N, C-alpha and C. Protein backbone atom coordinates (compact mmCIF):
# COMPACT_ATOMS: atom_id res chain seq x y z
N MET A 1 40.40 12.47 72.77
CA MET A 1 40.32 13.26 74.06
C MET A 1 41.39 14.00 74.87
N SER A 2 42.51 12.81 74.65
CA SER A 2 43.62 13.37 75.50
C SER A 2 44.22 14.54 74.79
N ASP A 3 44.13 14.81 73.42
CA ASP A 3 44.91 15.91 72.77
C ASP A 3 44.16 17.15 73.10
N LEU A 4 42.72 17.12 73.42
CA LEU A 4 41.77 18.36 73.72
C LEU A 4 42.24 18.64 75.40
N VAL A 5 42.39 17.68 76.10
CA VAL A 5 42.97 17.92 77.36
C VAL A 5 44.20 18.56 77.46
N TYR A 6 45.23 18.17 76.84
CA TYR A 6 46.39 18.53 76.50
C TYR A 6 46.28 19.94 76.14
N LEU A 7 45.42 20.26 75.33
CA LEU A 7 45.63 21.55 74.68
C LEU A 7 45.08 22.50 75.92
N ALA A 8 43.77 22.20 76.52
CA ALA A 8 43.17 23.09 77.43
C ALA A 8 44.06 23.31 78.71
N LEU A 9 45.13 22.43 78.87
CA LEU A 9 45.69 22.40 80.19
C LEU A 9 47.18 23.04 80.00
N LYS A 10 47.22 23.63 78.58
CA LYS A 10 48.55 23.94 78.09
C LYS A 10 49.14 25.11 78.93
N GLY A 11 48.31 26.16 78.88
CA GLY A 11 48.41 27.37 79.51
C GLY A 11 49.07 27.31 80.99
N TRP A 12 48.82 26.33 81.67
CA TRP A 12 49.07 26.18 83.01
C TRP A 12 50.44 24.86 82.90
N ALA A 13 50.18 23.89 82.42
CA ALA A 13 51.69 22.67 82.58
C ALA A 13 52.34 22.89 81.55
N ALA A 14 52.55 23.70 80.52
CA ALA A 14 53.60 23.92 79.58
C ALA A 14 54.60 25.19 80.47
N VAL A 15 54.39 25.53 81.64
CA VAL A 15 55.23 26.31 82.37
C VAL A 15 56.10 25.60 83.36
N PRO A 16 57.50 25.71 83.27
CA PRO A 16 58.46 24.70 83.94
C PRO A 16 57.72 24.71 85.37
N THR A 17 57.21 25.60 86.13
CA THR A 17 56.94 25.46 87.56
C THR A 17 55.58 24.91 87.79
N TRP A 18 54.79 24.30 86.68
CA TRP A 18 53.31 24.27 86.79
C TRP A 18 52.88 23.46 87.78
N TYR A 19 53.61 22.34 88.45
CA TYR A 19 53.26 21.40 89.56
C TYR A 19 53.43 21.93 90.89
N THR A 20 54.07 23.16 90.94
CA THR A 20 54.23 23.85 92.18
C THR A 20 52.87 24.57 92.89
N SER A 21 52.92 25.10 93.86
CA SER A 21 51.78 25.80 94.61
C SER A 21 52.09 27.25 94.74
N HIS A 22 52.95 27.50 93.44
CA HIS A 22 53.36 29.22 93.56
C HIS A 22 51.83 29.87 93.18
N PRO A 23 51.66 30.99 93.58
CA PRO A 23 50.47 31.68 93.33
C PRO A 23 50.10 32.05 91.80
N ALA A 24 51.11 32.21 91.06
CA ALA A 24 51.17 32.36 89.77
C ALA A 24 50.58 31.07 89.06
N ASP A 25 51.24 29.85 89.55
CA ASP A 25 50.86 28.57 89.06
C ASP A 25 49.22 28.27 89.45
N GLU A 26 48.87 28.76 90.54
CA GLU A 26 47.65 28.36 91.05
C GLU A 26 46.50 29.33 90.05
N SER A 27 46.93 30.43 89.78
CA SER A 27 46.04 31.10 88.88
C SER A 27 45.99 30.50 87.52
N ARG A 28 47.22 30.26 86.89
CA ARG A 28 47.17 29.44 85.49
C ARG A 28 46.42 28.28 85.64
N PHE A 29 46.34 27.31 86.85
CA PHE A 29 45.60 26.15 86.98
C PHE A 29 44.03 26.25 87.05
N GLN A 30 43.70 27.45 87.70
CA GLN A 30 42.20 27.71 87.55
C GLN A 30 41.85 28.37 86.08
N THR A 31 42.72 28.73 85.49
CA THR A 31 42.32 29.41 84.03
C THR A 31 42.36 28.09 83.04
N ALA A 32 43.07 27.27 83.53
CA ALA A 32 43.27 26.05 82.55
C ALA A 32 41.93 25.00 82.93
N VAL A 33 41.65 25.02 83.98
CA VAL A 33 40.52 24.09 84.48
C VAL A 33 39.19 24.78 83.95
N ALA A 34 39.02 25.88 83.92
CA ALA A 34 38.04 26.58 83.07
C ALA A 34 38.20 25.99 81.48
N GLU A 35 39.20 26.32 81.09
CA GLU A 35 39.31 25.90 79.81
C GLU A 35 39.08 24.71 79.48
N LEU A 36 39.42 23.66 80.25
CA LEU A 36 39.20 22.02 80.25
C LEU A 36 37.71 21.92 80.46
N ALA A 37 36.69 22.61 81.26
CA ALA A 37 35.50 22.27 81.32
C ALA A 37 34.53 22.99 80.24
N ALA A 38 35.35 24.08 79.48
CA ALA A 38 34.53 24.54 78.60
C ALA A 38 34.82 23.98 77.14
N THR A 39 35.91 23.51 76.97
CA THR A 39 36.20 22.72 75.75
C THR A 39 36.08 21.02 75.67
N VAL A 40 36.02 20.69 76.81
CA VAL A 40 35.98 18.97 76.88
C VAL A 40 34.71 18.80 77.90
N GLY A 41 34.37 19.37 78.81
CA GLY A 41 33.48 19.42 79.64
C GLY A 41 33.84 18.98 81.09
N THR A 42 32.96 18.35 81.79
CA THR A 42 33.20 18.05 83.33
C THR A 42 33.64 16.62 83.56
N ASP A 43 33.28 15.67 82.41
CA ASP A 43 33.36 14.22 82.50
C ASP A 43 34.47 13.71 82.06
N ILE A 44 35.44 13.47 83.01
CA ILE A 44 36.85 13.21 82.35
C ILE A 44 37.35 12.36 83.35
N ASP A 45 37.92 11.03 82.84
CA ASP A 45 38.51 10.25 83.86
C ASP A 45 39.80 10.66 84.19
N MET A 46 40.03 9.80 85.44
CA MET A 46 41.67 10.15 86.06
C MET A 46 42.63 9.62 85.15
N ARG A 47 42.60 8.61 84.46
CA ARG A 47 43.31 8.08 83.34
C ARG A 47 44.09 8.86 82.27
N ALA A 48 42.85 9.67 81.97
CA ALA A 48 43.13 10.73 80.73
C ALA A 48 44.16 11.83 81.38
N ILE A 49 43.46 12.14 82.77
CA ILE A 49 44.27 13.64 82.92
C ILE A 49 45.56 13.03 83.17
N ARG A 50 45.77 11.40 84.03
CA ARG A 50 47.10 11.25 84.54
C ARG A 50 48.24 11.04 83.17
N ARG A 51 47.54 10.53 82.13
CA ARG A 51 48.31 10.58 81.00
C ARG A 51 48.91 11.91 80.37
N VAL A 52 48.06 12.78 80.42
CA VAL A 52 48.48 14.17 79.89
C VAL A 52 49.50 14.63 80.94
N LEU A 53 49.32 14.59 82.16
CA LEU A 53 50.30 15.15 83.03
C LEU A 53 51.52 14.62 83.16
N ARG A 54 51.57 13.34 82.71
CA ARG A 54 52.79 12.44 82.71
C ARG A 54 53.60 13.12 81.24
N GLN A 55 52.83 13.50 80.52
CA GLN A 55 53.13 13.93 79.06
C GLN A 55 53.84 15.08 79.26
N TYR A 56 53.39 16.19 80.11
CA TYR A 56 53.75 17.28 80.20
C TYR A 56 55.13 17.13 81.45
N ARG A 57 55.03 16.35 82.32
CA ARG A 57 56.24 15.96 82.98
C ARG A 57 57.58 15.57 82.18
N ASP A 58 57.26 14.85 81.50
CA ASP A 58 58.13 14.16 80.54
C ASP A 58 58.82 15.50 79.36
N GLU A 59 57.92 16.45 79.17
CA GLU A 59 58.40 17.24 78.30
C GLU A 59 58.99 18.73 78.86
N SER A 60 58.78 18.73 80.20
CA SER A 60 59.14 19.88 80.93
C SER A 60 60.88 19.66 81.38
N PRO A 61 61.35 20.69 81.67
CA PRO A 61 63.01 20.67 81.93
C PRO A 61 62.84 20.51 83.55
N THR A 62 63.97 19.80 83.84
CA THR A 62 64.32 19.32 84.94
C THR A 62 64.78 20.50 85.97
N LEU A 63 63.97 20.84 87.16
CA LEU A 63 64.33 22.04 87.65
C LEU A 63 65.13 21.49 88.91
N LEU A 64 65.74 22.41 89.68
CA LEU A 64 66.63 22.11 90.88
C LEU A 64 65.97 21.19 91.95
N ASP A 65 64.50 21.16 92.03
CA ASP A 65 64.02 20.73 92.81
C ASP A 65 63.53 19.03 92.32
N GLY A 66 64.11 18.89 90.91
CA GLY A 66 63.67 17.61 90.37
C GLY A 66 62.54 17.64 89.68
N ARG A 67 61.33 16.58 89.31
CA ARG A 67 60.54 16.49 88.40
C ARG A 67 59.31 16.03 89.53
N PRO A 68 58.11 16.39 89.25
CA PRO A 68 56.85 15.79 90.08
C PRO A 68 57.13 14.37 89.95
N SER A 69 56.69 13.73 91.36
CA SER A 69 56.54 12.30 91.16
C SER A 69 55.23 11.75 90.91
N ASP A 70 55.09 10.58 90.68
CA ASP A 70 53.49 9.97 90.24
C ASP A 70 52.61 10.53 91.29
N ALA A 71 52.98 10.41 92.58
CA ALA A 71 52.01 10.80 93.46
C ALA A 71 51.73 12.15 93.31
N ARG A 72 52.65 13.10 93.14
CA ARG A 72 52.43 14.43 92.98
C ARG A 72 51.47 14.54 91.64
N LEU A 73 51.35 13.82 90.52
CA LEU A 73 50.90 13.96 89.47
C LEU A 73 49.53 13.64 90.04
N ASP A 74 49.26 12.43 90.57
CA ASP A 74 48.13 11.87 91.11
C ASP A 74 47.04 12.96 91.88
N ALA A 75 47.89 13.54 92.78
CA ALA A 75 47.24 14.88 93.59
C ALA A 75 46.50 15.84 92.35
N LEU A 76 47.69 16.07 91.68
CA LEU A 76 47.07 17.19 90.90
C LEU A 76 46.13 17.00 89.89
N GLY A 77 46.08 15.39 89.45
CA GLY A 77 44.86 15.22 88.76
C GLY A 77 43.56 14.98 89.52
N GLN A 78 43.74 14.74 90.86
CA GLN A 78 42.59 14.58 91.79
C GLN A 78 42.14 16.00 91.95
N LYS A 79 43.25 17.12 91.94
CA LYS A 79 42.81 18.45 91.92
C LYS A 79 41.80 18.91 90.82
N ILE A 80 42.33 18.49 89.85
CA ILE A 80 41.64 18.78 88.41
C ILE A 80 39.97 18.42 88.66
N LEU A 81 40.09 17.06 88.89
CA LEU A 81 38.54 16.46 88.92
C LEU A 81 37.64 17.12 89.94
N ASP A 82 38.49 17.41 91.21
CA ASP A 82 37.71 18.26 92.01
C ASP A 82 37.12 19.49 91.62
N ALA A 83 38.00 20.26 90.83
CA ALA A 83 37.81 21.59 90.43
C ALA A 83 36.53 21.53 89.21
N LEU A 84 36.69 20.35 88.26
CA LEU A 84 35.80 20.00 87.37
C LEU A 84 34.29 19.90 88.22
N SER A 85 34.56 19.22 89.31
CA SER A 85 33.21 18.65 89.86
C SER A 85 32.58 19.95 90.60
N ILE A 86 33.40 20.72 91.02
CA ILE A 86 32.79 22.13 91.46
C ILE A 86 31.98 22.78 90.15
N ALA A 87 32.85 22.96 89.06
CA ALA A 87 32.36 23.84 88.00
C ALA A 87 31.22 23.22 87.49
N HIS A 88 30.94 21.83 87.55
CA HIS A 88 29.91 21.35 86.95
C HIS A 88 28.67 21.57 87.76
N LYS A 89 28.78 21.42 89.36
CA LYS A 89 27.60 21.67 90.16
C LYS A 89 27.24 23.29 90.09
N SER A 90 28.42 24.21 89.73
CA SER A 90 27.89 25.34 89.57
C SER A 90 27.20 25.70 88.58
N THR A 91 27.58 24.91 87.04
CA THR A 91 26.63 25.14 85.94
C THR A 91 25.29 24.67 86.35
N ALA A 92 25.17 23.41 86.84
CA ALA A 92 23.86 22.72 87.08
C ALA A 92 22.84 23.76 87.97
N ARG A 93 23.49 24.47 88.98
CA ARG A 93 22.71 25.43 89.75
C ARG A 93 22.38 26.64 88.93
N VAL A 94 23.07 26.94 88.11
CA VAL A 94 22.76 28.16 87.10
C VAL A 94 21.55 27.60 86.21
N ILE A 95 21.67 26.51 85.75
CA ILE A 95 20.86 26.00 84.45
C ILE A 95 19.24 25.80 85.56
N SER A 96 19.48 25.14 86.54
CA SER A 96 18.20 24.87 87.20
C SER A 96 17.30 26.01 87.82
N HIS A 97 18.18 27.28 87.79
CA HIS A 97 17.41 28.47 88.27
C HIS A 97 17.03 29.31 87.01
N SER A 98 17.27 28.99 86.06
CA SER A 98 16.89 29.69 84.77
C SER A 98 15.56 29.63 84.24
């Protein structure tokens, strides 16, 4: 599953500034979460997300502000889980109204 998570997040996390709150990164984040939900689903645990985010951190160049901390990666992982939860609830509402 980690390979699928890695590929789904690539459009966001392969960009050197992926962990910032820049509007372009936020847009890429939303697209990546939608890709993650479509390819992997919404039932993903934090360990898998954390593993993939650490892999992207290790592969990214170090910028002037350094690299994202473990705490920042955990916050981003939680943000992904929250977005997937919202996507799941939205999908469930659409299906129940069909």
